[in-house]
């Protein structure tokens, strides 16, 4: 990724294009939105699908913690 570009990163979440069961359409894709160009770019995939997680950017690192498994309503951290 370009170091000096403003971007928005989206990690996983609810994926309306895949069916894992009612209320469990969880994605593992990572996308980047570039506001200056008004485009979305595919960046990669998470090791496992996740939703209801938290992402933090701290000291030039990205931390992703917590999640719900696609076949469970329980939170895993």
N, C-alpha and C. Protein backbone atom coordinates (compact mmCIF):
# COMPACT_ATOMS: atom_id res chain seq x y z
N UNK A 1 0.83 -1.18 0.00
CA UNK A 1 0.00 0.00 0.00
C UNK A 1 0.88 1.24 0.00
N UNK A 2 0.36 2.30 -0.55
CA UNK A 2 1.10 3.55 -0.59
C UNK A 2 1.13 4.18 0.80
N UNK A 3 2.29 4.58 1.21
CA UNK A 3 2.47 5.09 2.57
C UNK A 3 1.75 6.40 2.82
N UNK A 4 1.74 7.31 1.87
CA UNK A 4 1.18 8.64 2.09
C UNK A 4 -0.21 8.83 1.50
N UNK A 5 -0.93 7.76 1.24
CA UNK A 5 -2.28 7.85 0.69
C UNK A 5 -3.31 7.64 1.79
N UNK A 6 -4.34 8.47 1.78
CA UNK A 6 -5.43 8.24 2.71
C UNK A 6 -6.28 7.09 2.20
N UNK A 7 -6.55 6.13 3.07
CA UNK A 7 -7.36 4.97 2.70
C UNK A 7 -8.25 4.56 3.86
N UNK A 8 -9.27 3.81 3.54
CA UNK A 8 -10.13 3.18 4.53
C UNK A 8 -10.03 1.68 4.28
N UNK A 9 -9.71 0.92 5.33
CA UNK A 9 -9.62 -0.53 5.20
C UNK A 9 -10.85 -1.17 5.83
N UNK A 10 -11.39 -2.18 5.16
CA UNK A 10 -12.54 -2.93 5.66
C UNK A 10 -12.13 -4.39 5.77
N UNK A 11 -12.27 -4.94 6.99
CA UNK A 11 -11.85 -6.31 7.28
C UNK A 11 -13.07 -7.17 7.57
N UNK A 12 -13.31 -8.18 6.72
CA UNK A 12 -14.38 -9.14 6.98
C UNK A 12 -15.74 -8.49 7.13
N UNK A 13 -16.52 -9.02 8.06
CA UNK A 13 -17.87 -8.48 8.29
C UNK A 13 -18.92 -9.35 7.65
N UNK A 14 -20.07 -8.80 7.49
CA UNK A 14 -21.20 -9.54 6.91
C UNK A 14 -21.08 -9.50 5.39
N UNK A 15 -21.13 -10.66 4.77
CA UNK A 15 -20.99 -10.79 3.32
C UNK A 15 -22.33 -11.23 2.73
N UNK A 16 -23.06 -10.34 2.05
CA UNK A 16 -24.37 -10.70 1.52
C UNK A 16 -24.31 -11.64 0.33
N UNK A 17 -23.11 -11.91 -0.21
CA UNK A 17 -22.98 -12.76 -1.39
C UNK A 17 -22.75 -14.23 -1.07
N UNK A 18 -22.49 -14.57 0.19
CA UNK A 18 -22.28 -15.96 0.60
C UNK A 18 -23.34 -16.33 1.62
N UNK A 19 -23.77 -17.58 1.58
CA UNK A 19 -24.81 -18.03 2.49
C UNK A 19 -24.25 -19.05 3.46
N UNK A 20 -24.00 -18.62 4.70
CA UNK A 20 -23.55 -19.52 5.76
C UNK A 20 -24.70 -19.87 6.69
N UNK A 21 -25.90 -19.48 6.36
CA UNK A 21 -27.05 -19.69 7.21
C UNK A 21 -27.66 -18.36 7.59
N UNK A 22 -28.84 -18.40 8.14
CA UNK A 22 -29.56 -17.18 8.48
C UNK A 22 -28.74 -16.33 9.45
N UNK A 23 -28.48 -15.09 9.07
CA UNK A 23 -27.75 -14.17 9.94
C UNK A 23 -26.27 -14.43 10.06
N UNK A 24 -25.71 -15.33 9.25
CA UNK A 24 -24.30 -15.68 9.40
C UNK A 24 -23.52 -15.54 8.09
N UNK A 25 -23.84 -14.57 7.30
CA UNK A 25 -23.12 -14.34 6.04
C UNK A 25 -21.86 -13.54 6.33
N UNK A 26 -20.83 -14.25 6.77
CA UNK A 26 -19.62 -13.60 7.25
C UNK A 26 -18.51 -13.68 6.21
N UNK A 27 -17.89 -12.55 5.92
CA UNK A 27 -16.83 -12.50 4.94
C UNK A 27 -15.45 -12.52 5.55
N UNK A 28 -14.47 -12.84 4.73
CA UNK A 28 -13.08 -12.78 5.19
C UNK A 28 -12.22 -11.92 4.27
N UNK A 29 -12.87 -11.20 3.37
CA UNK A 29 -12.13 -10.33 2.45
C UNK A 29 -11.68 -9.04 3.13
N UNK A 30 -10.57 -8.50 2.64
CA UNK A 30 -10.07 -7.20 3.08
C UNK A 30 -10.10 -6.28 1.87
N UNK A 31 -10.77 -5.14 2.02
CA UNK A 31 -10.86 -4.16 0.94
C UNK A 31 -10.29 -2.83 1.40
N UNK A 32 -9.81 -2.07 0.44
CA UNK A 32 -9.30 -0.72 0.69
C UNK A 32 -10.09 0.25 -0.18
N UNK A 33 -10.57 1.32 0.44
CA UNK A 33 -11.24 2.40 -0.29
C UNK A 33 -10.27 3.57 -0.38
N UNK A 34 -10.10 4.10 -1.60
CA UNK A 34 -9.22 5.24 -1.84
C UNK A 34 -10.11 6.43 -2.18
N UNK A 35 -10.33 7.34 -1.22
CA UNK A 35 -11.25 8.45 -1.44
C UNK A 35 -10.86 9.38 -2.59
N UNK A 36 -9.57 9.64 -2.76
CA UNK A 36 -9.14 10.54 -3.83
C UNK A 36 -9.53 10.04 -5.22
N UNK A 37 -9.58 8.72 -5.37
CA UNK A 37 -9.91 8.11 -6.66
C UNK A 37 -11.32 7.53 -6.69
N UNK A 38 -11.98 7.49 -5.52
CA UNK A 38 -13.32 6.92 -5.38
C UNK A 38 -13.37 5.48 -5.91
N UNK A 39 -12.40 4.66 -5.48
CA UNK A 39 -12.36 3.26 -5.90
C UNK A 39 -12.17 2.34 -4.69
N UNK A 40 -12.64 1.11 -4.86
CA UNK A 40 -12.42 0.04 -3.89
C UNK A 40 -11.43 -0.94 -4.50
N UNK A 41 -10.50 -1.43 -3.70
CA UNK A 41 -9.51 -2.41 -4.16
C UNK A 41 -9.52 -3.61 -3.22
N UNK A 42 -9.44 -4.81 -3.78
CA UNK A 42 -9.30 -6.02 -2.99
C UNK A 42 -7.85 -6.09 -2.51
N UNK A 43 -7.65 -6.28 -1.20
CA UNK A 43 -6.30 -6.31 -0.62
C UNK A 43 -5.87 -7.74 -0.31
N UNK A 44 -6.78 -8.56 0.21
CA UNK A 44 -6.43 -9.94 0.58
C UNK A 44 -7.56 -10.56 1.38
N UNK A 45 -7.23 -11.65 2.08
CA UNK A 45 -8.22 -12.37 2.89
C UNK A 45 -7.70 -12.60 4.29
N UNK A 46 -8.63 -12.60 5.25
CA UNK A 46 -8.32 -13.00 6.61
C UNK A 46 -8.16 -14.52 6.63
N UNK A 47 -7.44 -15.07 7.60
CA UNK A 47 -7.30 -16.53 7.68
C UNK A 47 -8.64 -17.24 7.84
N UNK A 48 -9.56 -16.62 8.59
CA UNK A 48 -10.91 -17.19 8.78
C UNK A 48 -11.93 -16.05 8.67
N UNK A 49 -13.16 -16.36 8.25
CA UNK A 49 -14.20 -15.33 8.21
C UNK A 49 -14.48 -14.80 9.62
N UNK A 50 -14.80 -13.51 9.73
CA UNK A 50 -15.12 -12.92 11.03
C UNK A 50 -16.17 -11.83 10.89
N UNK A 51 -16.90 -11.67 11.98
CA UNK A 51 -17.79 -10.52 12.12
C UNK A 51 -17.83 -10.14 13.59
N UNK A 52 -18.29 -8.94 13.89
CA UNK A 52 -18.32 -8.41 15.25
C UNK A 52 -16.93 -8.41 15.89
N UNK A 53 -15.96 -7.92 15.13
CA UNK A 53 -14.59 -7.81 15.62
C UNK A 53 -14.22 -6.33 15.70
N UNK A 54 -13.03 -6.06 16.20
CA UNK A 54 -12.56 -4.68 16.34
C UNK A 54 -11.19 -4.56 15.69
N UNK A 55 -10.96 -3.45 15.00
CA UNK A 55 -9.67 -3.21 14.34
C UNK A 55 -9.10 -1.90 14.87
N UNK A 56 -7.80 -1.92 15.18
CA UNK A 56 -7.12 -0.73 15.69
C UNK A 56 -5.81 -0.53 14.94
N UNK A 57 -5.53 0.70 14.55
CA UNK A 57 -4.24 1.06 13.96
C UNK A 57 -3.44 1.76 15.05
N UNK A 58 -2.28 1.18 15.43
CA UNK A 58 -1.48 1.71 16.53
C UNK A 58 0.00 1.53 16.21
N UNK A 59 0.75 2.63 16.22
CA UNK A 59 2.19 2.61 15.97
C UNK A 59 2.52 1.85 14.68
N UNK A 60 1.85 2.22 13.61
CA UNK A 60 2.09 1.67 12.27
C UNK A 60 1.76 0.19 12.14
N UNK A 61 0.95 -0.33 13.04
CA UNK A 61 0.50 -1.73 12.95
C UNK A 61 -1.02 -1.79 13.03
N UNK A 62 -1.58 -2.82 12.42
CA UNK A 62 -3.02 -3.04 12.45
C UNK A 62 -3.30 -4.24 13.34
N UNK A 63 -4.17 -4.05 14.34
CA UNK A 63 -4.56 -5.13 15.25
C UNK A 63 -6.03 -5.44 15.04
N UNK A 64 -6.34 -6.70 14.85
CA UNK A 64 -7.72 -7.15 14.68
C UNK A 64 -7.99 -8.15 15.80
N UNK A 65 -8.96 -7.86 16.68
CA UNK A 65 -9.23 -8.72 17.82
C UNK A 65 -10.71 -9.04 17.91
N UNK A 66 -11.00 -10.19 18.51
CA UNK A 66 -12.36 -10.62 18.70
C UNK A 66 -13.01 -11.07 17.41
N UNK A 67 -14.04 -11.87 17.53
CA UNK A 67 -14.80 -12.28 16.36
C UNK A 67 -15.91 -13.22 16.78
N UNK A 68 -16.84 -13.42 15.90
CA UNK A 68 -17.82 -14.49 16.04
C UNK A 68 -17.56 -15.48 14.92
N UNK A 69 -17.63 -16.76 15.24
CA UNK A 69 -17.46 -17.81 14.24
C UNK A 69 -18.71 -17.86 13.38
N UNK A 70 -18.54 -18.22 12.11
CA UNK A 70 -19.68 -18.20 11.18
C UNK A 70 -20.79 -19.17 11.57
N UNK A 71 -20.47 -20.24 12.31
CA UNK A 71 -21.49 -21.22 12.67
C UNK A 71 -21.90 -21.11 14.14
N UNK A 72 -21.52 -20.02 14.80
CA UNK A 72 -21.82 -19.86 16.21
C UNK A 72 -22.16 -18.41 16.50
N UNK A 73 -22.93 -18.19 17.54
CA UNK A 73 -23.22 -16.84 17.99
C UNK A 73 -22.29 -16.40 19.10
N UNK A 74 -21.34 -17.25 19.47
CA UNK A 74 -20.44 -16.95 20.58
C UNK A 74 -19.24 -16.16 20.10
N UNK A 75 -18.80 -15.22 20.93
CA UNK A 75 -17.66 -14.38 20.61
C UNK A 75 -16.37 -15.10 20.97
N UNK A 76 -15.43 -15.14 20.03
CA UNK A 76 -14.10 -15.71 20.25
C UNK A 76 -13.09 -14.58 20.23
N UNK A 77 -12.10 -14.63 21.09
CA UNK A 77 -11.05 -13.60 21.06
C UNK A 77 -9.69 -14.24 20.92
